[in-house]
Amino acid sequence: MTERAPTPDGRRLAAVLVALGWGAAVVAANGLVSLFTGLEVDPLRNAGPLVVPAAVVAALVVLLVRLLRGQDRSGWLPVECGALVYLVQLAAGALVYTLIRGSVADGLLWIATQAASPFQITDVVLALVAGLIMLLVVRAQAAGARRPRWPWERDDDV
């Protein structure tokens, strides 16, 4: 008789899906904000095409790590996710822009232009939603919720 495979931890899969969903939502939301407002995602024209994507990818990685470590049911998870995304996007974007331009003052200029931009605010709001979704998943699993099962996966003979 073969042993049953261990059931996968739904939190890991949920964290990966929530983080990737956040990344997709950021791309879509930034495009829509740009379309409706007529603003560029990166107003500094000499920044090049890598600054904003690098900042978003860095924030995505940090968000994923935070969601993977979200074993507690603390209500602060959405706030932590929003704050992490905000800080990491600003820091990573400033770092990449500083490397491109070669001046720390240019990195500070990038932070000043992005800190209150509608794109940054949109990304933070989406991170709050992602943290809330993960918090709901963690709390539901702690309360005994399990994944739905297909009829042929059930052990009962009903």
N, C-alpha and C. Protein backbone atom coordinates (compact mmCIF):
# COMPACT_ATOMS: atom_id res chain seq x y z
N MET A 1 0.84 -1.16 0.00
CA MET A 1 0.00 0.00 0.00
C MET A 1 0.89 1.24 0.00
N THR A 2 0.56 2.20 -0.80
CA THR A 2 1.36 3.42 -0.88
C THR A 2 0.89 4.42 0.16
N GLU A 3 1.85 5.20 0.61
CA GLU A 3 1.51 6.23 1.58
C GLU A 3 0.93 7.43 0.85
N ARG A 4 0.02 8.09 1.52
CA ARG A 4 -0.55 9.30 0.94
C ARG A 4 0.47 10.41 0.99
N ALA A 5 0.48 11.21 -0.04
CA ALA A 5 1.40 12.35 -0.08
C ALA A 5 0.98 13.35 0.98
N PRO A 6 1.95 14.02 1.58
CA PRO A 6 1.58 15.02 2.59
C PRO A 6 0.79 16.15 1.93
N THR A 7 -0.18 16.64 2.66
CA THR A 7 -0.99 17.73 2.11
C THR A 7 -0.15 19.00 2.07
N PRO A 8 -0.21 19.75 0.97
CA PRO A 8 0.59 20.96 0.88
C PRO A 8 0.05 22.04 1.81
N ASP A 9 0.96 22.88 2.25
CA ASP A 9 0.58 23.99 3.10
C ASP A 9 -0.05 25.06 2.22
N GLY A 10 -1.31 25.32 2.42
CA GLY A 10 -2.03 26.28 1.59
C GLY A 10 -1.55 27.71 1.76
N ARG A 11 -0.86 27.98 2.85
CA ARG A 11 -0.38 29.35 3.06
C ARG A 11 0.71 29.72 2.07
N ARG A 12 1.57 28.79 1.76
CA ARG A 12 2.64 29.10 0.80
C ARG A 12 2.07 29.39 -0.57
N LEU A 13 1.18 28.54 -1.02
CA LEU A 13 0.57 28.75 -2.32
C LEU A 13 -0.23 30.05 -2.34
N ALA A 14 -0.97 30.31 -1.27
CA ALA A 14 -1.75 31.55 -1.20
C ALA A 14 -0.83 32.76 -1.22
N ALA A 15 0.29 32.70 -0.51
CA ALA A 15 1.22 33.83 -0.48
C ALA A 15 1.80 34.10 -1.86
N VAL A 16 2.17 33.04 -2.57
CA VAL A 16 2.72 33.22 -3.92
C VAL A 16 1.66 33.81 -4.85
N LEU A 17 0.45 33.28 -4.79
CA LEU A 17 -0.60 33.78 -5.66
C LEU A 17 -0.98 35.22 -5.33
N VAL A 18 -1.03 35.56 -4.06
CA VAL A 18 -1.36 36.93 -3.67
C VAL A 18 -0.26 37.89 -4.12
N ALA A 19 0.99 37.51 -3.95
CA ALA A 19 2.10 38.38 -4.36
C ALA A 19 2.13 38.56 -5.88
N LEU A 20 1.94 37.48 -6.62
CA LEU A 20 1.91 37.60 -8.08
C LEU A 20 0.69 38.38 -8.55
N GLY A 21 -0.42 38.21 -7.85
CA GLY A 21 -1.61 39.01 -8.15
C GLY A 21 -1.36 40.48 -7.90
N TRP A 22 -0.63 40.79 -6.83
CA TRP A 22 -0.28 42.18 -6.56
C TRP A 22 0.56 42.74 -7.70
N GLY A 23 1.54 41.97 -8.16
CA GLY A 23 2.39 42.44 -9.27
C GLY A 23 1.58 42.71 -10.53
N ALA A 24 0.66 41.81 -10.86
CA ALA A 24 -0.17 42.01 -12.04
C ALA A 24 -1.10 43.21 -11.86
N ALA A 25 -1.65 43.36 -10.66
CA ALA A 25 -2.53 44.50 -10.41
C ALA A 25 -1.77 45.82 -10.47
N VAL A 26 -0.51 45.82 -10.04
CA VAL A 26 0.30 47.04 -10.10
C VAL A 26 0.52 47.46 -11.56
N VAL A 27 0.85 46.49 -12.41
CA VAL A 27 1.07 46.81 -13.82
C VAL A 27 -0.21 47.38 -14.44
N ALA A 28 -1.33 46.73 -14.18
CA ALA A 28 -2.60 47.18 -14.74
C ALA A 28 -3.02 48.53 -14.16
N ALA A 29 -2.93 48.68 -12.85
CA ALA A 29 -3.36 49.93 -12.21
C ALA A 29 -2.48 51.10 -12.62
N ASN A 30 -1.17 50.89 -12.69
CA ASN A 30 -0.29 51.98 -13.12
C ASN A 30 -0.58 52.39 -14.56
N GLY A 31 -0.90 51.42 -15.41
CA GLY A 31 -1.28 51.75 -16.78
C GLY A 31 -2.56 52.56 -16.84
N LEU A 32 -3.55 52.17 -16.03
CA LEU A 32 -4.81 52.90 -16.02
C LEU A 32 -4.64 54.30 -15.42
N VAL A 33 -3.88 54.42 -14.35
CA VAL A 33 -3.64 55.74 -13.76
C VAL A 33 -2.93 56.63 -14.77
N SER A 34 -1.96 56.09 -15.46
CA SER A 34 -1.25 56.87 -16.48
C SER A 34 -2.18 57.28 -17.62
N LEU A 35 -3.05 56.37 -18.03
CA LEU A 35 -3.98 56.66 -19.10
C LEU A 35 -4.97 57.76 -18.72
N PHE A 36 -5.53 57.68 -17.52
CA PHE A 36 -6.56 58.62 -17.11
C PHE A 36 -6.00 59.98 -16.68
N THR A 37 -4.78 60.00 -16.15
CA THR A 37 -4.23 61.27 -15.67
C THR A 37 -3.29 61.93 -16.67
N GLY A 38 -2.80 61.17 -17.64
CA GLY A 38 -1.85 61.72 -18.60
C GLY A 38 -0.45 61.88 -18.03
N LEU A 39 -0.18 61.26 -16.88
CA LEU A 39 1.13 61.34 -16.24
C LEU A 39 1.99 60.15 -16.65
N GLU A 40 3.29 60.34 -16.60
CA GLU A 40 4.23 59.24 -16.81
C GLU A 40 4.49 58.56 -15.47
N VAL A 41 4.69 57.26 -15.51
CA VAL A 41 4.96 56.52 -14.27
C VAL A 41 6.25 57.03 -13.63
N ASP A 42 7.24 57.32 -14.45
CA ASP A 42 8.49 57.91 -13.96
C ASP A 42 8.65 59.27 -14.62
N PRO A 43 8.41 60.35 -13.89
CA PRO A 43 8.45 61.68 -14.51
C PRO A 43 9.84 62.15 -14.91
N LEU A 44 10.88 61.51 -14.40
CA LEU A 44 12.24 61.90 -14.77
C LEU A 44 12.60 61.20 -16.08
N ARG A 45 12.64 61.94 -17.13
CA ARG A 45 12.81 61.37 -18.47
C ARG A 45 14.17 60.72 -18.68
N ASN A 46 15.15 61.13 -17.95
CA ASN A 46 16.49 60.57 -18.13
C ASN A 46 16.74 59.35 -17.25
N ALA A 47 15.70 58.82 -16.66
CA ALA A 47 15.86 57.68 -15.75
C ALA A 47 16.07 56.37 -16.50
N GLY A 48 15.53 56.28 -17.69
CA GLY A 48 15.64 55.04 -18.43
C GLY A 48 14.49 54.10 -18.11
N PRO A 49 14.44 52.99 -18.81
CA PRO A 49 13.29 52.09 -18.65
C PRO A 49 13.39 51.10 -17.50
N LEU A 50 14.45 51.10 -16.71
CA LEU A 50 14.64 50.07 -15.70
C LEU A 50 14.30 50.47 -14.28
N VAL A 51 14.18 51.75 -14.01
CA VAL A 51 14.06 52.20 -12.62
C VAL A 51 12.75 51.72 -11.99
N VAL A 52 11.64 52.03 -12.61
CA VAL A 52 10.34 51.65 -12.03
C VAL A 52 10.15 50.13 -12.02
N PRO A 53 10.44 49.41 -13.11
CA PRO A 53 10.30 47.95 -13.03
C PRO A 53 11.20 47.32 -11.96
N ALA A 54 12.40 47.82 -11.80
CA ALA A 54 13.28 47.28 -10.76
C ALA A 54 12.72 47.53 -9.37
N ALA A 55 12.13 48.70 -9.17
CA ALA A 55 11.54 49.03 -7.88
C ALA A 55 10.33 48.13 -7.61
N VAL A 56 9.52 47.88 -8.63
CA VAL A 56 8.34 47.03 -8.45
C VAL A 56 8.75 45.59 -8.18
N VAL A 57 9.76 45.10 -8.88
CA VAL A 57 10.22 43.72 -8.66
C VAL A 57 10.81 43.58 -7.26
N ALA A 58 11.56 44.56 -6.82
CA ALA A 58 12.11 44.50 -5.46
C ALA A 58 10.99 44.49 -4.43
N ALA A 59 9.98 45.33 -4.64
CA ALA A 59 8.84 45.35 -3.71
C ALA A 59 8.08 44.03 -3.76
N LEU A 60 7.96 43.44 -4.94
CA LEU A 60 7.28 42.15 -5.08
C LEU A 60 8.00 41.06 -4.29
N VAL A 61 9.32 41.04 -4.36
CA VAL A 61 10.09 40.03 -3.63
C VAL A 61 9.92 40.22 -2.12
N VAL A 62 10.00 41.46 -1.66
CA VAL A 62 9.85 41.72 -0.23
C VAL A 62 8.43 41.40 0.23
N LEU A 63 7.44 41.73 -0.59
CA LEU A 63 6.06 41.40 -0.25
C LEU A 63 5.87 39.89 -0.16
N LEU A 64 6.44 39.17 -1.10
CA LEU A 64 6.33 37.71 -1.08
C LEU A 64 6.97 37.13 0.17
N VAL A 65 8.14 37.60 0.53
CA VAL A 65 8.80 37.10 1.74
C VAL A 65 7.95 37.41 2.97
N ARG A 66 7.39 38.60 3.03
CA ARG A 66 6.55 38.95 4.19
C ARG A 66 5.29 38.09 4.24
N LEU A 67 4.68 37.85 3.09
CA LEU A 67 3.48 37.03 3.08
C LEU A 67 3.79 35.58 3.43
N LEU A 68 4.94 35.10 3.00
CA LEU A 68 5.33 33.73 3.35
C LEU A 68 5.58 33.58 4.85
N ARG A 69 6.01 34.64 5.48
CA ARG A 69 6.27 34.59 6.92
C ARG A 69 5.06 34.98 7.73
N GLY A 70 3.93 35.18 7.09
CA GLY A 70 2.71 35.61 7.77
C GLY A 70 1.99 34.49 8.48
N GLN A 71 2.65 33.84 9.40
CA GLN A 71 2.04 32.73 10.13
C GLN A 71 1.14 33.22 11.26
N ASP A 72 1.37 34.43 11.70
CA ASP A 72 0.55 34.95 12.78
C ASP A 72 -0.75 35.53 12.21
N ARG A 73 -1.70 35.71 13.07
CA ARG A 73 -2.99 36.24 12.64
C ARG A 73 -3.13 37.69 13.05
N SER A 74 -2.02 38.39 13.12
CA SER A 74 -2.02 39.78 13.54
C SER A 74 -2.76 40.64 12.52
N GLY A 75 -3.55 41.55 13.02
CA GLY A 75 -4.28 42.46 12.16
C GLY A 75 -3.40 43.51 11.51
N TRP A 76 -2.13 43.54 11.86
CA TRP A 76 -1.20 44.52 11.31
C TRP A 76 -0.60 44.09 9.98
N LEU A 77 -0.88 42.89 9.52
CA LEU A 77 -0.28 42.40 8.29
C LEU A 77 -0.54 43.31 7.09
N PRO A 78 -1.76 43.80 6.85
CA PRO A 78 -1.96 44.70 5.71
C PRO A 78 -1.14 45.98 5.82
N VAL A 79 -1.06 46.54 7.02
CA VAL A 79 -0.30 47.77 7.22
C VAL A 79 1.19 47.52 6.98
N GLU A 80 1.68 46.38 7.48
CA GLU A 80 3.08 46.03 7.27
C GLU A 80 3.38 45.88 5.78
N CYS A 81 2.48 45.23 5.06
CA CYS A 81 2.69 45.03 3.62
C CYS A 81 2.72 46.37 2.89
N GLY A 82 1.80 47.26 3.22
CA GLY A 82 1.77 48.58 2.59
C GLY A 82 3.03 49.38 2.89
N ALA A 83 3.46 49.37 4.15
CA ALA A 83 4.66 50.12 4.53
C ALA A 83 5.91 49.54 3.86
N LEU A 84 6.01 48.22 3.82
CA LEU A 84 7.16 47.60 3.17
C LEU A 84 7.23 47.94 1.69
N VAL A 85 6.09 47.84 1.01
CA VAL A 85 6.07 48.15 -0.42
C VAL A 85 6.46 49.61 -0.65
N TYR A 86 5.94 50.50 0.15
CA TYR A 86 6.25 51.92 0.00
C TYR A 86 7.75 52.18 0.17
N LEU A 87 8.31 51.67 1.25
CA LEU A 87 9.72 51.93 1.54
C LEU A 87 10.65 51.24 0.55
N VAL A 88 10.35 50.00 0.20
CA VAL A 88 11.23 49.26 -0.70
C VAL A 88 11.18 49.84 -2.11
N GLN A 89 10.00 50.23 -2.58
CA GLN A 89 9.93 50.83 -3.91
C GLN A 89 10.72 52.13 -3.96
N LEU A 90 10.60 52.96 -2.94
CA LEU A 90 11.36 54.21 -2.94
C LEU A 90 12.87 53.95 -2.86
N ALA A 91 13.27 53.04 -1.98
CA ALA A 91 14.70 52.77 -1.81
C ALA A 91 15.29 52.10 -3.04
N ALA A 92 14.61 51.10 -3.59
CA ALA A 92 15.15 50.40 -4.76
C ALA A 92 15.18 51.32 -5.98
N GLY A 93 14.13 52.10 -6.18
CA GLY A 93 14.12 53.03 -7.30
C GLY A 93 15.22 54.08 -7.18
N ALA A 94 15.41 54.60 -5.97
CA ALA A 94 16.48 55.58 -5.76
C ALA A 94 17.85 54.96 -5.99
N LEU A 95 18.02 53.72 -5.55
CA LEU A 95 19.31 53.04 -5.75
C LEU A 95 19.60 52.84 -7.24
N VAL A 96 18.62 52.35 -7.97
CA VAL A 96 18.83 52.12 -9.41
C VAL A 96 19.05 53.44 -10.13
N TYR A 97 18.28 54.47 -9.78
CA TYR A 97 18.45 55.77 -10.42
C TYR A 97 19.81 56.38 -10.08
N THR A 98 20.27 56.17 -8.84
CA THR A 98 21.59 56.65 -8.45
C THR A 98 22.68 55.93 -9.25
N LEU A 99 22.52 54.63 -9.46
CA LEU A 99 23.50 53.88 -10.25
C LEU A 99 23.51 54.33 -11.71
N ILE A 100 22.34 54.66 -12.23
CA ILE A 100 22.26 55.10 -13.62
C ILE A 100 22.87 56.49 -13.79
N ARG A 101 22.52 57.40 -12.91
CA ARG A 101 22.97 58.79 -13.04
C ARG A 101 24.32 59.05 -12.38
N GLY A 102 24.71 58.25 -11.41
CA GLY A 102 26.01 58.41 -10.78
C GLY A 102 26.06 59.47 -9.70
N SER A 103 24.92 59.88 -9.19
CA SER A 103 24.90 60.92 -8.17
C SER A 103 23.84 60.60 -7.12
N VAL A 104 24.22 60.73 -5.86
CA VAL A 104 23.28 60.48 -4.78
C VAL A 104 22.16 61.53 -4.78
N ALA A 105 22.48 62.74 -5.20
CA ALA A 105 21.47 63.79 -5.28
C ALA A 105 20.36 63.41 -6.26
N ASP A 106 20.73 62.73 -7.33
CA ASP A 106 19.72 62.27 -8.28
C ASP A 106 18.81 61.21 -7.66
N GLY A 107 19.37 60.34 -6.84
CA GLY A 107 18.56 59.35 -6.13
C GLY A 107 17.58 60.01 -5.19
N LEU A 108 18.03 61.05 -4.50
CA LEU A 108 17.13 61.79 -3.61
C LEU A 108 16.05 62.52 -4.40
N LEU A 109 16.41 63.01 -5.59
CA LEU A 109 15.43 63.65 -6.46
C LEU A 109 14.36 62.64 -6.88
N TRP A 110 14.78 61.41 -7.18
CA TRP A 110 13.81 60.38 -7.57
C TRP A 110 12.85 60.08 -6.42
N ILE A 111 13.38 60.01 -5.21
CA ILE A 111 12.52 59.79 -4.04
C ILE A 111 11.53 60.93 -3.89
N ALA A 112 12.00 62.16 -4.07
CA ALA A 112 11.11 63.32 -3.92
C ALA A 112 10.00 63.33 -4.96
N THR A 113 10.30 62.89 -6.17
CA THR A 113 9.26 62.90 -7.21
C THR A 113 8.30 61.73 -7.06
N GLN A 114 8.73 60.63 -6.48
CA GLN A 114 7.88 59.44 -6.39
C GLN A 114 7.14 59.30 -5.07
N ALA A 115 7.59 59.96 -4.02
CA ALA A 115 7.06 59.72 -2.68
C ALA A 115 5.55 59.92 -2.58
N ALA A 116 5.00 60.89 -3.25
CA ALA A 116 3.57 61.16 -3.16
C ALA A 116 2.88 61.06 -4.52
N SER A 117 3.48 60.34 -5.44
CA SER A 117 2.88 60.22 -6.76
C SER A 117 1.65 59.31 -6.70
N PRO A 118 0.71 59.50 -7.61
CA PRO A 118 -0.48 58.63 -7.60
C PRO A 118 -0.12 57.17 -7.87
N PHE A 119 0.98 56.93 -8.55
CA PHE A 119 1.40 55.55 -8.83
C PHE A 119 1.87 54.87 -7.54
N GLN A 120 2.64 55.59 -6.76
CA GLN A 120 3.14 55.05 -5.49
C GLN A 120 1.98 54.78 -4.54
N ILE A 121 1.05 55.70 -4.49
CA ILE A 121 -0.11 55.54 -3.61
C ILE A 121 -0.95 54.34 -4.06
N THR A 122 -1.13 54.19 -5.36
CA THR A 122 -1.88 53.05 -5.90
C THR A 122 -1.21 51.74 -5.53
N ASP A 123 0.10 51.68 -5.65
CA ASP A 123 0.84 50.45 -5.31
C ASP A 123 0.70 50.11 -3.83
N VAL A 124 0.72 51.12 -2.99
CA VAL A 124 0.58 50.89 -1.55
C VAL A 124 -0.83 50.41 -1.22
N VAL A 125 -1.83 51.01 -1.83
CA VAL A 125 -3.21 50.57 -1.59
C VAL A 125 -3.39 49.11 -2.03
N LEU A 126 -2.81 48.76 -3.17
CA LEU A 126 -2.89 47.37 -3.63
C LEU A 126 -2.15 46.43 -2.68
N ALA A 127 -1.05 46.89 -2.08
CA ALA A 127 -0.34 46.07 -1.10
C ALA A 127 -1.17 45.90 0.17
N LEU A 128 -1.91 46.94 0.56
CA LEU A 128 -2.81 46.81 1.70
C LEU A 128 -3.88 45.74 1.43
N VAL A 129 -4.41 45.75 0.21
CA VAL A 129 -5.41 44.75 -0.16
C VAL A 129 -4.79 43.35 -0.17
N ALA A 130 -3.58 43.23 -0.69
CA ALA A 130 -2.89 41.94 -0.71
C ALA A 130 -2.66 41.43 0.71
N GLY A 131 -2.23 42.30 1.60
CA GLY A 131 -2.04 41.91 2.99
C GLY A 131 -3.34 41.51 3.66
N LEU A 132 -4.43 42.20 3.32
CA LEU A 132 -5.73 41.85 3.87
C LEU A 132 -6.19 40.48 3.37
N ILE A 133 -5.99 40.21 2.10
CA ILE A 133 -6.36 38.90 1.55
C ILE A 133 -5.58 37.80 2.26
N MET A 134 -4.28 38.00 2.43
CA MET A 134 -3.47 36.98 3.09
C MET A 134 -3.87 36.81 4.55
N LEU A 135 -4.21 37.91 5.21
CA LEU A 135 -4.67 37.83 6.59
C LEU A 135 -5.95 37.01 6.69
N LEU A 136 -6.86 37.21 5.76
CA LEU A 136 -8.10 36.45 5.75
C LEU A 136 -7.83 34.96 5.50
N VAL A 137 -6.89 34.65 4.63
CA VAL A 137 -6.54 33.25 4.36
C VAL A 137 -5.95 32.61 5.60
N VAL A 138 -5.03 33.29 6.26
CA VAL A 138 -4.38 32.75 7.46
C VAL A 138 -5.40 32.53 8.57
N ARG A 139 -6.28 33.50 8.76
CA ARG A 139 -7.30 33.35 9.81
C ARG A 139 -8.29 32.24 9.49
N ALA A 140 -8.66 32.11 8.22
CA ALA A 140 -9.58 31.05 7.84
C ALA A 140 -8.95 29.68 8.05
N GLN A 141 -7.69 29.54 7.70
CA GLN A 141 -7.01 28.26 7.91
C GLN A 141 -6.84 27.96 9.39
N ALA A 142 -6.59 28.98 10.19
CA ALA A 142 -6.47 28.76 11.63
C ALA A 142 -7.81 28.34 12.23
N ALA A 143 -8.90 28.76 11.61
CA ALA A 143 -10.23 28.39 12.10
C ALA A 143 -10.68 27.03 11.57
N GLY A 144 -9.84 26.39 10.77
CA GLY A 144 -10.15 25.04 10.30
C GLY A 144 -10.58 24.95 8.85
N ALA A 145 -10.55 26.04 8.12
CA ALA A 145 -10.93 25.98 6.72
C ALA A 145 -9.90 25.19 5.92
N ARG A 146 -10.39 24.41 4.98
CA ARG A 146 -9.51 23.62 4.12
C ARG A 146 -9.92 23.85 2.69
N ARG A 147 -9.09 23.42 1.79
CA ARG A 147 -9.41 23.62 0.38
C ARG A 147 -10.60 22.76 0.00
N PRO A 148 -11.38 23.20 -0.96
CA PRO A 148 -12.50 22.37 -1.41
C PRO A 148 -11.97 21.10 -2.07
N ARG A 149 -12.75 20.06 -1.99
CA ARG A 149 -12.32 18.78 -2.55
C ARG A 149 -13.32 18.34 -3.61
N TRP A 150 -12.79 17.76 -4.66
CA TRP A 150 -13.63 17.20 -5.71
C TRP A 150 -14.32 15.95 -5.18
N PRO A 151 -15.44 15.56 -5.77
CA PRO A 151 -16.14 14.37 -5.27
C PRO A 151 -15.28 13.12 -5.26
N TRP A 152 -14.40 12.95 -6.22
CA TRP A 152 -13.58 11.74 -6.25
C TRP A 152 -12.41 11.78 -5.27
N GLU A 153 -12.18 12.93 -4.65
CA GLU A 153 -11.13 13.03 -3.64
C GLU A 153 -11.64 12.70 -2.25
N ARG A 154 -12.91 12.66 -2.09
CA ARG A 154 -13.49 12.43 -0.77
C ARG A 154 -13.37 10.97 -0.37
N ASP A 155 -13.16 10.76 0.92
CA ASP A 155 -13.01 9.42 1.44
C ASP A 155 -14.34 8.74 1.76
N ASP A 156 -15.38 9.54 1.93
CA ASP A 156 -16.67 8.96 2.29
C ASP A 156 -17.34 8.31 1.07
N ASP A 157 -18.24 7.38 1.31
CA ASP A 157 -18.91 6.65 0.24
C ASP A 157 -20.35 7.12 0.05
N VAL A 158 -20.58 8.38 0.15
CA VAL A 158 -21.93 8.93 0.03
C VAL A 158 -22.32 9.08 -1.41
